Structure formats: structure tokens, C-alpha cells
Amino acid sequence: MVTVAADAPARTTRVSSRARKDAVLLGAVDQAREAAQEAASSPSDVGEHLGAVAEGERLMSHRFAATMPGYRGWHWTVTLARVPRGKVATVCEVELLPGDDALLAPAWLPWAERLRPGDIGPGDTLPFRADDPRLEPGWTPTGDEELDSVAIDELALARERVLSPQGRDEAAERWYRGSRGPTAPGAVASPAACTTCGFLVPLQGPLGQLFGVCANAWSPDDGKVVSLDHGCGAHSETDAPQPPSDWPDDAPLIDELRVERVVVRRPAEPAEQATEASAAPERPAAE
């Protein structure tokens, strides 16, 4: 019989000196090894002999190192016994036990307690929690059809449970400290906050005091809950500065091989201007 125990209690049985000197059981090392090799998946999983421990009168355990991958510090324990005045040892049990420095698996937790946010995939269903502190009763039927119809149709209280103050506070803390809060790298580098953006759809109720939903297809947060002091580069009221052209202005071209003649008229002297005026014919007054 093979027993794998991760938390086997330490044996504190006192044995006599006569039991410690049981030559028949002490010499049955090969028999104990064969028993361990039969219980193991492979004979190579049983290593060197680590010693023997007297468990009682005519009862002794031989230990062998476990050489399987992942079982560092474990050992095979083979318990042998013999009848009074008997010269043959008998195998009682074979166990795989951890030592003081053995690698042990983490403490077992139920599946419902091991789940973390993001573990639920398509087709998975969470276990029902009747005492979930994040929820509270949504409404209690009164038995009056008129009052109950108002509660269901007009007040939308048909849900059996709604968010409790604890559930709302946990959600607000998680959202605000997450990647769509004011401390996100994109929000720190943004030119303006979401509270002034035209694409922000505010939430109703107490959560609307801190959060809204982004409705900008160009934003990385489109369709996500964002804090009012969050921000991104797709704000509706900001504009990117016009960068300078990558192509520099052309330098002016000077044609040094072409000569253009320019006639420059010399200004007339005052005496020449008077002579030209006297030589001009008189024109009729009508002209």
C-alpha cells in the first residue's frame, strides 16, 4: 500500500533499546527497497538509503530518497515488522512522505475562493452567493398589484438584488484607481479632462458624480467607464498644434548669366524745365 501524505504528524513513540537493535529488520534494506520500487512508477524513482527508524517492538521503517522531478526533500518510507522469534521481515506499508525541506503544494482552496477578476471565460458560470455583501435586496413585493406594477414598470425595481453601498464603493475605488482614472499615463499627458469633453455620457445615480462613459470612436477608452478627471488625446475641445513643414523653403535663384537692360532717365535741370514749358504751344481753354 502506498500513502502520499503532505502533513504527516511526527512520530514520538518511545522504543526500547532492544527494538533499536533488531538485526532482522535492520538487515532487510534490500527487501524494503524492492517494496518501494514496486510502489513507485519506475525503479529509478527510489534513491539512496537514508537510514532506519525504530517504530516499536519488532517494527521498523526504512527511508529512501525520492528522485522524481518536483519531489525535492521527499522520501520513501517502508515499514517492516516480524512476528516474535521470527527471522523473516514482512512489509506493512509503503509511504511517500515529505521531509523538513520538502517542496509542498499550496494549501487547498475551494474553486469559488480561488477565482480572481478576469478568470471567467465564455461559457463559465460563477457559483451563486446568497450572502454577497456587494448586493442587497432590490425590493420586496407588497402583495398589492397596483403598487407592485408601479415598482416594476415605472421604478424598474424588478431585480431581486441591487448594488449595496459596499459594492458601489468597491466599484468606484476599483475604477478610479484603474487604467481609466486620473493617474493613468494617458490622463496625465492629456490636454484636458473628460468632464469638459462633448463625448462624455454621464452615469446616473451616485456613481455619476465621479464617472461617465466615453462615446468617442477615436478614443482608446471608447465604450468604457472613465472618471471625470480622466483624459486622452481625443478630447472634443482641443486641437493638435500644426507642426512645421518637413520641406524647407526654396532659396532664391539668381541668374548670373542673363543681363537685363534698364533705361534710367536723368532728372532735368530747373533751367531745362523752364525752356520746355515756354516752348510748348498754348491750348484752348476748352482743353
Protein backbone atom coordinates (compact mmCIF):
# COMPACT_ATOMS: atom_id res chain seq x y z
CA MET A 1 0.00 0.00 0.00
CA VAL A 2 1.31 3.44 -0.97
CA THR A 3 0.29 6.52 1.00
CA VAL A 4 1.25 10.07 -0.04
CA ALA A 5 0.95 12.40 2.95
CA ALA A 6 1.83 16.09 2.85
CA ASP A 7 1.22 16.79 6.53
CA ALA A 8 2.05 13.53 8.27
CA PRO A 9 2.42 14.04 12.05
CA ALA A 10 5.82 13.43 13.56
CA ARG A 11 6.13 10.09 15.32
CA THR A 12 7.04 10.43 19.00
CA THR A 13 6.69 6.76 20.02
CA ARG A 14 9.31 5.67 22.51
CA VAL A 15 11.01 2.38 21.72
CA SER A 16 13.29 0.22 23.77
CA SER A 17 16.97 -0.31 23.10
CA ARG A 18 16.16 -3.90 22.22
CA ALA A 19 13.93 -2.73 19.37
CA ARG A 20 16.68 -0.47 18.09
CA LYS A 21 18.99 -3.47 17.79
CA ASP A 22 16.57 -5.68 15.83
CA ALA A 23 19.06 -7.29 13.46
CA VAL A 24 16.41 -8.91 11.26
CA LEU A 25 14.62 -5.67 10.49
CA LEU A 26 17.82 -3.63 10.24
CA GLY A 27 19.20 -6.00 7.65
CA ALA A 28 16.11 -6.01 5.46
CA VAL A 29 17.26 -2.99 3.43
CA ASP A 30 17.07 -4.77 0.08
CA GLN A 31 13.60 -6.10 0.86
CA ALA A 32 12.42 -2.57 1.75
CA ARG A 33 13.96 -1.15 -1.42
CA GLU A 34 12.20 -3.71 -3.59
CA ALA A 35 8.89 -2.81 -1.93
CA ALA A 36 9.46 0.88 -2.62
CA GLN A 37 10.41 0.21 -6.26
CA GLU A 38 7.24 -1.80 -6.79
CA ALA A 39 5.15 1.08 -5.44
CA ALA A 40 6.97 3.73 -7.48
CA SER A 41 6.26 4.44 -11.13
CA SER A 42 9.83 3.48 -12.01
CA PRO A 43 12.60 1.73 -10.05
CA SER A 44 14.79 4.77 -10.69
CA ASP A 45 12.41 6.87 -8.53
CA VAL A 46 13.89 5.23 -5.42
CA GLY A 47 17.27 6.65 -4.44
CA GLU A 48 19.84 6.02 -1.76
CA HIS A 49 19.06 4.55 1.65
CA LEU A 50 18.68 7.33 4.23
CA GLY A 51 18.52 5.20 7.37
CA ALA A 52 16.08 3.32 9.57
CA VAL A 53 13.82 4.37 12.43
CA ALA A 54 12.52 2.00 15.11
CA GLU A 55 8.79 2.45 15.47
CA GLY A 56 8.21 -0.10 18.22
CA GLU A 57 8.82 -3.70 19.25
CA ARG A 58 9.64 -5.66 16.08
CA LEU A 59 8.53 -2.67 13.95
CA MET A 60 10.95 -0.55 11.91
CA SER A 61 10.83 1.90 8.96
CA HIS A 62 13.49 2.24 6.27
CA ARG A 63 13.74 5.53 4.36
CA PHE A 64 14.93 6.03 0.78
CA ALA A 65 15.43 9.26 -1.14
CA ALA A 66 12.75 10.15 -3.74
CA THR A 67 14.42 11.05 -7.05
CA MET A 68 11.33 12.07 -9.05
CA PRO A 69 11.33 15.61 -10.55
CA GLY A 70 9.44 18.03 -8.33
CA TYR A 71 9.79 15.93 -5.15
CA ARG A 72 12.83 17.56 -3.61
CA GLY A 73 13.10 16.67 0.07
CA TRP A 74 10.60 13.78 -0.12
CA HIS A 75 11.46 10.20 0.82
CA TRP A 76 10.03 6.72 0.53
CA THR A 77 9.24 5.15 3.91
CA VAL A 78 8.88 1.35 4.04
CA THR A 79 7.64 -0.07 7.36
CA LEU A 80 8.65 -3.66 8.21
CA ALA A 81 7.59 -5.97 11.03
CA ARG A 82 8.22 -9.53 12.21
CA VAL A 83 6.49 -11.98 14.50
CA PRO A 84 8.04 -12.96 17.85
CA ARG A 85 11.08 -15.16 17.33
CA GLY A 86 10.60 -14.75 13.57
CA LYS A 87 13.56 -14.48 11.25
CA VAL A 88 11.68 -13.04 8.26
CA ALA A 89 10.58 -9.41 7.85
CA THR A 90 7.17 -8.54 6.47
CA VAL A 91 6.31 -5.32 4.59
CA CYS A 92 3.48 -3.47 6.33
CA GLU A 93 3.14 -0.31 4.23
CA VAL A 94 4.96 1.97 1.80
CA GLU A 95 4.57 5.73 2.08
CA LEU A 96 5.87 8.76 0.20
CA LEU A 97 6.40 11.42 2.90
CA PRO A 98 7.83 14.97 2.87
CA GLY A 99 10.94 15.92 4.78
CA ASP A 100 11.74 19.12 6.61
CA ASP A 101 12.84 20.96 3.41
CA ALA A 102 10.38 19.30 1.04
CA LEU A 103 8.52 21.19 -1.68
CA LEU A 104 4.83 21.22 -0.77
CA ALA A 105 1.77 22.28 -2.72
CA PRO A 106 -0.08 25.42 -1.56
CA ALA A 107 -2.92 24.99 0.88
CA TRP A 108 -6.04 23.82 -0.92
CA LEU A 109 -8.76 26.39 -1.51
CA PRO A 110 -12.26 25.79 -2.87
CA TRP A 111 -12.73 26.73 -6.51
CA ALA A 112 -15.04 29.62 -5.65
CA GLU A 113 -12.35 31.17 -3.43
CA ARG A 114 -9.54 30.74 -5.97
CA LEU A 115 -11.28 32.78 -8.67
CA ARG A 116 -9.91 36.22 -9.45
CA PRO A 117 -11.19 39.01 -11.72
CA GLY A 118 -10.50 38.04 -15.32
CA ASP A 119 -10.69 34.26 -14.74
CA ILE A 120 -14.23 33.93 -16.09
CA GLY A 121 -14.32 32.99 -19.77
CA PRO A 122 -17.08 32.31 -22.30
CA GLY A 123 -19.43 29.61 -21.03
CA ASP A 124 -18.25 29.85 -17.40
CA THR A 125 -20.75 30.45 -14.60
CA LEU A 126 -19.93 31.77 -11.15
CA PRO A 127 -21.34 29.97 -8.09
CA PHE A 128 -24.32 31.69 -6.51
CA ARG A 129 -23.62 33.66 -3.34
CA ALA A 130 -26.73 34.31 -1.32
CA ASP A 131 -24.82 36.42 1.22
CA ASP A 132 -22.79 38.55 -1.18
CA PRO A 133 -22.01 41.78 0.76
CA ARG A 134 -21.84 43.73 -2.51
CA LEU A 135 -25.59 43.23 -3.09
CA GLU A 136 -28.77 43.97 -1.21
CA PRO A 137 -32.46 43.24 -1.88
CA GLY A 138 -33.85 45.38 -4.66
CA TRP A 139 -37.45 45.41 -3.50
CA THR A 140 -39.96 43.33 -1.57
CA PRO A 141 -43.38 42.60 -3.11
CA THR A 142 -46.23 44.13 -1.12
CA GLY A 143 -48.99 41.92 -2.48
CA ASP A 144 -50.84 44.95 -3.87
CA GLU A 145 -50.94 44.54 -7.67
CA GLU A 146 -51.15 48.27 -8.31
CA LEU A 147 -48.19 49.15 -6.09
CA ASP A 148 -46.14 46.24 -7.38
CA SER A 149 -46.83 47.18 -11.01
CA VAL A 150 -45.63 50.73 -10.31
CA ALA A 151 -42.47 49.36 -8.73
CA ILE A 152 -41.80 47.05 -11.69
CA ASP A 153 -42.87 49.19 -14.65
CA GLU A 154 -42.12 52.75 -13.55
CA LEU A 155 -39.40 52.42 -10.93
CA ALA A 156 -37.65 49.44 -12.60
CA LEU A 157 -37.33 47.56 -9.31
CA ALA A 158 -37.89 44.12 -10.82
CA ARG A 159 -34.37 42.93 -9.90
CA GLU A 160 -34.23 40.81 -6.79
CA ARG A 161 -30.89 42.33 -5.72
CA VAL A 162 -29.10 45.59 -6.46
CA LEU A 163 -25.75 47.13 -5.55
CA SER A 164 -25.23 47.69 -1.87
CA PRO A 165 -23.25 50.71 -0.60
CA GLN A 166 -20.26 48.41 -0.12
CA GLY A 167 -20.49 47.10 -3.68
CA ARG A 168 -20.81 50.62 -5.07
CA ASP A 169 -17.83 51.89 -3.06
CA GLU A 170 -15.67 48.94 -4.13
CA ALA A 171 -16.52 49.54 -7.79
CA ALA A 172 -15.78 53.26 -7.52
CA GLU A 173 -12.43 52.60 -5.85
CA ARG A 174 -11.51 49.98 -8.46
CA TRP A 175 -12.46 52.20 -11.41
CA TYR A 176 -10.82 55.34 -10.03
CA ARG A 177 -7.53 53.59 -9.27
CA GLY A 178 -7.54 51.67 -12.56
CA SER A 179 -6.27 52.46 -16.03
CA ARG A 180 -9.15 54.88 -16.74
CA GLY A 181 -8.69 57.09 -13.72
CA PRO A 182 -6.75 60.33 -13.29
CA THR A 183 -3.41 58.60 -12.60
CA ALA A 184 -3.20 56.71 -15.91
CA PRO A 185 -0.26 57.80 -18.13
CA GLY A 186 -2.63 58.91 -20.90
CA ALA A 187 -4.66 61.02 -18.47
CA VAL A 188 -1.58 62.73 -17.07
CA ALA A 189 -0.41 63.68 -20.59
CA SER A 190 -3.86 64.70 -21.88
CA PRO A 191 -4.55 68.38 -22.63
CA ALA A 192 -7.94 68.44 -20.88
CA ALA A 193 -10.15 66.31 -18.60
CA CYS A 194 -13.16 64.24 -19.63
CA THR A 195 -15.52 66.45 -17.65
CA THR A 196 -15.31 69.11 -20.41
CA CYS A 197 -15.42 66.66 -23.34
CA GLY A 198 -18.53 66.56 -25.52
CA PHE A 199 -18.24 62.80 -25.98
CA LEU A 200 -18.75 62.03 -22.27
CA VAL A 201 -22.06 60.34 -21.37
CA PRO A 202 -22.65 60.87 -17.62
CA LEU A 203 -23.83 58.00 -15.44
CA GLN A 204 -26.98 58.19 -13.36
CA GLY A 205 -27.07 57.85 -9.60
CA PRO A 206 -24.25 58.32 -7.09
CA LEU A 207 -21.63 56.92 -9.48
CA GLY A 208 -22.42 59.76 -11.90
CA GLN A 209 -20.69 62.17 -9.54
CA LEU A 210 -17.33 60.65 -10.48
CA PHE A 211 -17.77 58.65 -13.68
CA GLY A 212 -19.16 58.65 -17.18
CA VAL A 213 -18.95 56.57 -20.36
CA CYS A 214 -16.74 57.58 -23.29
CA ALA A 215 -18.56 57.68 -26.66
CA ASN A 216 -15.68 58.78 -28.90
CA ALA A 217 -14.72 56.23 -31.56
CA TRP A 218 -11.24 57.79 -31.82
CA SER A 219 -10.55 57.45 -28.12
CA PRO A 220 -8.80 54.37 -26.66
CA ASP A 221 -11.48 54.43 -23.93
CA ASP A 222 -14.47 54.25 -26.30
CA GLY A 223 -17.34 52.40 -24.59
CA LYS A 224 -15.52 52.31 -21.23
CA VAL A 225 -16.30 53.86 -17.86
CA VAL A 226 -13.90 56.77 -17.24
CA SER A 227 -13.51 59.14 -14.32
CA LEU A 228 -14.44 62.78 -14.87
CA ASP A 229 -10.83 63.82 -14.30
CA HIS A 230 -9.51 61.24 -16.76
CA GLY A 231 -8.43 62.36 -20.22
CA CYS A 232 -6.98 61.37 -23.57
CA GLY A 233 -5.76 62.92 -26.79
CA ALA A 234 -9.19 62.70 -28.46
CA HIS A 235 -10.81 65.47 -26.38
CA SER A 236 -13.54 67.28 -28.31
CA GLU A 237 -12.36 70.80 -27.43
CA THR A 238 -8.63 70.53 -28.07
CA ASP A 239 -6.56 70.68 -31.24
CA ALA A 240 -3.11 69.46 -32.11
CA PRO A 241 -0.66 72.26 -32.97
CA GLN A 242 0.30 72.49 -36.62
CA PRO A 243 3.80 71.13 -36.97
CA PRO A 244 6.28 72.91 -39.26
CA SER A 245 6.71 71.60 -42.78
CA ASP A 246 9.24 68.86 -43.24
CA TRP A 247 10.26 70.54 -46.56
CA PRO A 248 12.25 73.82 -46.13
CA ASP A 249 11.53 76.88 -48.27
CA ASP A 250 13.48 77.08 -51.52
CA ALA A 251 16.36 79.56 -51.58
CA PRO A 252 16.02 82.41 -54.15
CA LEU A 253 17.60 81.72 -57.55
CA ILE A 254 19.95 84.31 -59.05
CA ASP A 255 20.61 84.14 -62.83
CA GLU A 256 24.12 85.44 -63.20
CA LEU A 257 24.32 84.78 -66.98
CA ARG A 258 21.43 87.00 -68.14
CA VAL A 259 21.69 90.83 -68.36
CA GLU A 260 18.54 92.96 -68.44
CA ARG A 261 18.90 96.50 -69.88
CA VAL A 262 17.18 99.19 -67.87
CA VAL A 263 16.86 102.76 -69.21
CA VAL A 264 17.42 105.25 -66.45
CA ARG A 265 16.31 108.83 -67.27
CA ARG A 266 18.42 111.60 -65.89
CA PRO A 267 16.43 114.18 -63.93
CA ALA A 268 16.13 117.54 -65.82
CA GLU A 269 17.77 120.65 -64.50
CA PRO A 270 15.50 123.64 -63.45
CA ALA A 271 16.61 125.80 -66.48
CA GLU A 272 15.76 122.97 -68.90
CA GLN A 273 12.32 122.54 -67.31
CA ALA A 274 11.57 126.30 -67.85
CA THR A 275 12.66 126.14 -71.50
CA GLU A 276 10.45 123.14 -72.21
CA ALA A 277 7.47 124.89 -70.65
CA SER A 278 7.88 128.07 -72.77
CA ALA A 279 8.29 126.08 -76.00
CA ALA A 280 5.03 124.18 -75.54
CA PRO A 281 2.10 125.53 -77.70
CA GLU A 282 -0.81 127.14 -75.97
CA ARG A 283 -4.01 125.04 -75.78
CA PRO A 284 -7.55 126.32 -75.88
CA ALA A 285 -9.31 126.88 -72.61
CA ALA A 286 -11.79 124.19 -73.54
CA GLU A 287 -8.99 121.65 -73.48
